[in-house]
Amino acid sequence: NFTSPTPNGWGYAVFGKVIEGQDVVDAIKGVKTGNKGFHQDVPVEDVVIEKAEIVE
């Protein structure tokens, strides 16, 4: 939860703009999730992004 302080500071936020590869985003969005520790909606199997580019 990126809006709540934690013992280690703030959580996380992920943002960006997809300009190519929306099919990959949709595939990631569709993976099976479950609970892990105190977290919910965690992918059951790791999702690995092998390449990303910054376009300016």
PDB file of N, CA and C in Angstrom:
ATOM      1  N   ASN A   1       0.847  -1.174   0.000  1.00  0.00           N
ATOM      2  CA  ASN A   1       0.000   0.000   0.000  1.00  0.00           C
ATOM      3  C   ASN A   1       0.889   1.232   0.000  1.00  0.00           C
ATOM      4  N   PHE A   2       0.950   1.926  -1.100  1.00  0.00           N
ATOM      5  CA  PHE A   2       1.858   3.067  -1.220  1.00  0.00           C
ATOM      6  C   PHE A   2       1.381   4.286  -0.447  1.00  0.00           C
ATOM      7  N   THR A   3       0.160   4.265   0.085  1.00  0.00           N
ATOM      8  CA  THR A   3      -0.349   5.438   0.805  1.00  0.00           C
ATOM      9  C   THR A   3      -0.192   5.323   2.306  1.00  0.00           C
ATOM     10  N   SER A   4       0.289   4.189   2.811  1.00  0.00           N
ATOM     11  CA  SER A   4       0.402   3.994   4.252  1.00  0.00           C
ATOM     12  C   SER A   4       1.857   3.872   4.665  1.00  0.00           C
ATOM     13  N   PRO A   5       2.260   4.595   5.712  1.00  0.00           N
ATOM     14  CA  PRO A   5       3.628   4.427   6.196  1.00  0.00           C
ATOM     15  C   PRO A   5       3.802   3.028   6.789  1.00  0.00           C
ATOM     16  N   THR A   6       4.981   2.458   6.619  1.00  0.00           N
ATOM     17  CA  THR A   6       5.300   1.150   7.170  1.00  0.00           C
ATOM     18  C   THR A   6       6.499   1.311   8.098  1.00  0.00           C
ATOM     19  N   PRO A   7       6.845   0.265   8.861  1.00  0.00           N
ATOM     20  CA  PRO A   7       8.029   0.369   9.716  1.00  0.00           C
ATOM     21  C   PRO A   7       9.299   0.701   8.935  1.00  0.00           C
ATOM     22  N   ASN A   8       9.327   0.366   7.642  1.00  0.00           N
ATOM     23  CA  ASN A   8      10.503   0.620   6.807  1.00  0.00           C
ATOM     24  C   ASN A   8      10.353   1.862   5.937  1.00  0.00           C
ATOM     25  N   GLY A   9       9.375   2.676   6.216  1.00  0.00           N
ATOM     26  CA  GLY A   9       9.136   3.849   5.378  1.00  0.00           C
ATOM     27  C   GLY A   9       7.917   3.618   4.509  1.00  0.00           C
ATOM     28  N   TRP A  10       7.827   4.322   3.420  1.00  0.00           N
ATOM     29  CA  TRP A  10       6.672   4.213   2.540  1.00  0.00           C
ATOM     30  C   TRP A  10       6.768   2.978   1.672  1.00  0.00           C
ATOM     31  N   GLY A  11       5.642   2.559   1.144  1.00  0.00           N
ATOM     32  CA  GLY A  11       5.562   1.379   0.276  1.00  0.00           C
ATOM     33  C   GLY A  11       6.087   1.682  -1.106  1.00  0.00           C
ATOM     34  N   TYR A  12       5.310   1.358  -2.116  1.00  0.00           N
ATOM     35  CA  TYR A  12       5.788   1.497  -3.484  1.00  0.00           C
ATOM     36  C   TYR A  12       4.694   2.049  -4.379  1.00  0.00           C
ATOM     37  N   ALA A  13       5.099   2.527  -5.515  1.00  0.00           N
ATOM     38  CA  ALA A  13       4.171   2.948  -6.568  1.00  0.00           C
ATOM     39  C   ALA A  13       4.823   2.604  -7.902  1.00  0.00           C
ATOM     40  N   VAL A  14       4.028   2.149  -8.823  1.00  0.00           N
ATOM     41  CA  VAL A  14       4.533   1.806 -10.149  1.00  0.00           C
ATOM     42  C   VAL A  14       3.711   2.580 -11.164  1.00  0.00           C
ATOM     43  N   PHE A  15       4.392   3.267 -12.061  1.00  0.00           N
ATOM     44  CA  PHE A  15       3.666   4.016 -13.076  1.00  0.00           C
ATOM     45  C   PHE A  15       4.518   4.118 -14.325  1.00  0.00           C
ATOM     46  N   GLY A  16       3.889   4.390 -15.413  1.00  0.00           N
ATOM     47  CA  GLY A  16       4.591   4.533 -16.682  1.00  0.00           C
ATOM     48  C   GLY A  16       3.588   4.636 -17.805  1.00  0.00           C
ATOM     49  N   LYS A  17       4.075   4.700 -19.005  1.00  0.00           N
ATOM     50  CA  LYS A  17       3.222   4.793 -20.185  1.00  0.00           C
ATOM     51  C   LYS A  17       3.669   3.722 -21.171  1.00  0.00           C
ATOM     52  N   VAL A  18       2.756   2.868 -21.542  1.00  0.00           N
ATOM     53  CA  VAL A  18       3.061   1.816 -22.514  1.00  0.00           C
ATOM     54  C   VAL A  18       2.854   2.392 -23.905  1.00  0.00           C
ATOM     55  N   ILE A  19       3.926   2.410 -24.697  1.00  0.00           N
ATOM     56  CA  ILE A  19       3.802   2.918 -26.065  1.00  0.00           C
ATOM     57  C   ILE A  19       3.884   1.787 -27.084  1.00  0.00           C
ATOM     58  N   GLU A  20       4.281   0.610 -26.604  1.00  0.00           N
ATOM     59  CA  GLU A  20       4.408  -0.554 -27.474  1.00  0.00           C
ATOM     60  C   GLU A  20       4.393  -1.787 -26.581  1.00  0.00           C
ATOM     61  N   GLY A  21       3.737  -2.848 -27.018  1.00  0.00           N
ATOM     62  CA  GLY A  21       3.747  -4.084 -26.240  1.00  0.00           C
ATOM     63  C   GLY A  21       2.608  -4.217 -25.250  1.00  0.00           C
ATOM     64  N   GLN A  22       1.470  -3.613 -25.546  1.00  0.00           N
ATOM     65  CA  GLN A  22       0.322  -3.714 -24.644  1.00  0.00           C
ATOM     66  C   GLN A  22      -0.074  -5.173 -24.425  1.00  0.00           C
ATOM     67  N   ASP A  23       0.179  -6.041 -25.400  1.00  0.00           N
ATOM     68  CA  ASP A  23      -0.130  -7.463 -25.235  1.00  0.00           C
ATOM     69  C   ASP A  23       0.658  -8.076 -24.084  1.00  0.00           C
ATOM     70  N   VAL A  24       1.883  -7.603 -23.871  1.00  0.00           N
ATOM     71  CA  VAL A  24       2.700  -8.086 -22.758  1.00  0.00           C
ATOM     72  C   VAL A  24       2.096  -7.624 -21.435  1.00  0.00           C
ATOM     73  N   VAL A  25       1.678  -6.373 -21.374  1.00  0.00           N
ATOM     74  CA  VAL A  25       1.036  -5.844 -20.168  1.00  0.00           C
ATOM     75  C   VAL A  25      -0.223  -6.650 -19.853  1.00  0.00           C
ATOM     76  N   ASP A  26      -1.008  -6.938 -20.864  1.00  0.00           N
ATOM     77  CA  ASP A  26      -2.232  -7.711 -20.668  1.00  0.00           C
ATOM     78  C   ASP A  26      -1.921  -9.124 -20.170  1.00  0.00           C
ATOM     79  N   ALA A  27      -0.845  -9.725 -20.664  1.00  0.00           N
ATOM     80  CA  ALA A  27      -0.447 -11.059 -20.211  1.00  0.00           C
ATOM     81  C   ALA A  27      -0.036 -11.026 -18.740  1.00  0.00           C
ATOM     82  N   ILE A  28       0.706 -10.007 -18.340  1.00  0.00           N
ATOM     83  CA  ILE A  28       1.099  -9.862 -16.935  1.00  0.00           C
ATOM     84  C   ILE A  28      -0.141  -9.663 -16.071  1.00  0.00           C
ATOM     85  N   LYS A  29      -1.048  -8.844 -16.550  1.00  0.00           N
ATOM     86  CA  LYS A  29      -2.286  -8.565 -15.814  1.00  0.00           C
ATOM     87  C   LYS A  29      -3.112  -9.831 -15.598  1.00  0.00           C
ATOM     88  N   GLY A  30      -2.975 -10.796 -16.495  1.00  0.00           N
ATOM     89  CA  GLY A  30      -3.790 -11.995 -16.442  1.00  0.00           C
ATOM     90  C   GLY A  30      -3.228 -13.151 -15.634  1.00  0.00           C
ATOM     91  N   VAL A  31      -2.053 -12.993 -15.019  1.00  0.00           N
ATOM     92  CA  VAL A  31      -1.473 -14.118 -14.277  1.00  0.00           C
ATOM     93  C   VAL A  31      -2.266 -14.392 -13.005  1.00  0.00           C
ATOM     94  N   LYS A  32      -2.221 -15.641 -12.571  1.00  0.00           N
ATOM     95  CA  LYS A  32      -2.907 -16.045 -11.351  1.00  0.00           C
ATOM     96  C   LYS A  32      -2.197 -15.428 -10.149  1.00  0.00           C
ATOM     97  N   THR A  33      -2.983 -14.922  -9.197  1.00  0.00           N
ATOM     98  CA  THR A  33      -2.418 -14.304  -7.999  1.00  0.00           C
ATOM     99  C   THR A  33      -2.990 -14.958  -6.747  1.00  0.00           C
ATOM    100  N   GLY A  34      -2.341 -14.700  -5.629  1.00  0.00           N
ATOM    101  CA  GLY A  34      -2.784 -15.219  -4.339  1.00  0.00           C
ATOM    102  C   GLY A  34      -2.203 -14.380  -3.219  1.00  0.00           C
ATOM    103  N   ASN A  35      -2.261 -14.896  -2.016  1.00  0.00           N
ATOM    104  CA  ASN A  35      -1.719 -14.199  -0.851  1.00  0.00           C
ATOM    105  C   ASN A  35      -0.319 -14.713  -0.553  1.00  0.00           C
ATOM    106  N   LYS A  36       0.548 -13.807  -0.109  1.00  0.00           N
ATOM    107  CA  LYS A  36       1.907 -14.172   0.283  1.00  0.00           C
ATOM    108  C   LYS A  36       2.289 -13.283   1.449  1.00  0.00           C
ATOM    109  N   GLY A  37       2.495 -13.883   2.614  1.00  0.00           N
ATOM    110  CA  GLY A  37       2.767 -13.085   3.807  1.00  0.00           C
ATOM    111  C   GLY A  37       1.588 -12.186   4.098  1.00  0.00           C
ATOM    112  N   PHE A  38       1.852 -10.915   4.300  1.00  0.00           N
ATOM    113  CA  PHE A  38       0.794  -9.944   4.567  1.00  0.00           C
ATOM    114  C   PHE A  38       0.262  -9.301   3.289  1.00  0.00           C
ATOM    115  N   HIS A  39       0.732  -9.749   2.145  1.00  0.00           N
ATOM    116  CA  HIS A  39       0.360  -9.128   0.878  1.00  0.00           C
ATOM    117  C   HIS A  39      -0.713  -9.936   0.160  1.00  0.00           C
ATOM    118  N   GLN A  40      -1.564  -9.239  -0.564  1.00  0.00           N
ATOM    119  CA  GLN A  40      -2.605  -9.867  -1.366  1.00  0.00           C
ATOM    120  C   GLN A  40      -2.339  -9.569  -2.839  1.00  0.00           C
ATOM    121  N   ASP A  41      -2.923 -10.362  -3.700  1.00  0.00           N
ATOM    122  CA  ASP A  41      -2.833 -10.152  -5.145  1.00  0.00           C
ATOM    123  C   ASP A  41      -1.387 -10.226  -5.645  1.00  0.00           C
ATOM    124  N   VAL A  42      -0.634 -11.187  -5.115  1.00  0.00           N
ATOM    125  CA  VAL A  42       0.760 -11.403  -5.504  1.00  0.00           C
ATOM    126  C   VAL A  42       0.792 -12.518  -6.553  1.00  0.00           C
ATOM    127  N   PRO A  43       1.528 -12.350  -7.652  1.00  0.00           N
ATOM    128  CA  PRO A  43       1.597 -13.425  -8.645  1.00  0.00           C
ATOM    129  C   PRO A  43       2.053 -14.743  -8.006  1.00  0.00           C
ATOM    130  N   VAL A  44       1.360 -15.844  -8.344  1.00  0.00           N
ATOM    131  CA  VAL A  44       1.708 -17.163  -7.821  1.00  0.00           C
ATOM    132  C   VAL A  44       3.078 -17.582  -8.353  1.00  0.00           C
ATOM    133  N   GLU A  45       3.343 -17.303  -9.617  1.00  0.00           N
ATOM    134  CA  GLU A  45       4.657 -17.543 -10.212  1.00  0.00           C
ATOM    135  C   GLU A  45       5.290 -16.192 -10.523  1.00  0.00           C
ATOM    136  N   ASP A  46       6.621 -16.109 -10.395  1.00  0.00           N
ATOM    137  CA  ASP A  46       7.320 -14.847 -10.646  1.00  0.00           C
ATOM    138  C   ASP A  46       7.052 -14.330 -12.054  1.00  0.00           C
ATOM    139  N   VAL A  47       6.872 -13.033 -12.157  1.00  0.00           N
ATOM    140  CA  VAL A  47       6.775 -12.352 -13.448  1.00  0.00           C
ATOM    141  C   VAL A  47       8.095 -11.609 -13.632  1.00  0.00           C
ATOM    142  N   VAL A  48       8.809 -11.916 -14.700  1.00  0.00           N
ATOM    143  CA  VAL A  48      10.123 -11.315 -14.933  1.00  0.00           C
ATOM    144  C   VAL A  48      10.068 -10.455 -16.192  1.00  0.00           C
ATOM    145  N   ILE A  49      10.430  -9.197 -16.054  1.00  0.00           N
ATOM    146  CA  ILE A  49      10.560  -8.299 -17.203  1.00  0.00           C
ATOM    147  C   ILE A  49      12.037  -8.303 -17.575  1.00  0.00           C
ATOM    148  N   GLU A  50      12.348  -8.846 -18.726  1.00  0.00           N
ATOM    149  CA  GLU A  50      13.743  -9.004 -19.133  1.00  0.00           C
ATOM    150  C   GLU A  50      14.326  -7.760 -19.777  1.00  0.00           C
ATOM    151  N   LYS A  51      13.475  -6.870 -20.295  1.00  0.00           N
ATOM    152  CA  LYS A  51      13.990  -5.681 -20.963  1.00  0.00           C
ATOM    153  C   LYS A  51      12.981  -4.552 -20.843  1.00  0.00           C
ATOM    154  N   ALA A  52      13.474  -3.381 -20.561  1.00  0.00           N
ATOM    155  CA  ALA A  52      12.652  -2.167 -20.543  1.00  0.00           C
ATOM    156  C   ALA A  52      13.519  -1.034 -21.070  1.00  0.00           C
ATOM    157  N   GLU A  53      12.905  -0.065 -21.709  1.00  0.00           N
ATOM    158  CA  GLU A  53      13.651   1.063 -22.261  1.00  0.00           C
ATOM    159  C   GLU A  53      13.035   2.367 -21.800  1.00  0.00           C
ATOM    160  N   ILE A  54      13.874   3.341 -21.592  1.00  0.00           N
ATOM    161  CA  ILE A  54      13.424   4.699 -21.303  1.00  0.00           C
ATOM    162  C   ILE A  54      13.466   5.469 -22.614  1.00  0.00           C
ATOM    163  N   VAL A  55      12.339   6.015 -23.015  1.00  0.00           N
ATOM    164  CA  VAL A  55      12.245   6.783 -24.251  1.00  0.00           C
ATOM    165  C   VAL A  55      12.017   8.231 -23.869  1.00  0.00           C
ATOM    166  N   GLU A  56      12.897   9.090 -24.320  1.00  0.00           N
ATOM    167  CA  GLU A  56      12.753  10.514 -23.989  1.00  0.00           C
ATOM    168  C   GLU A  56      12.321  11.309 -25.189  1.00  0.00           C
TER     169      GLU A  56
END
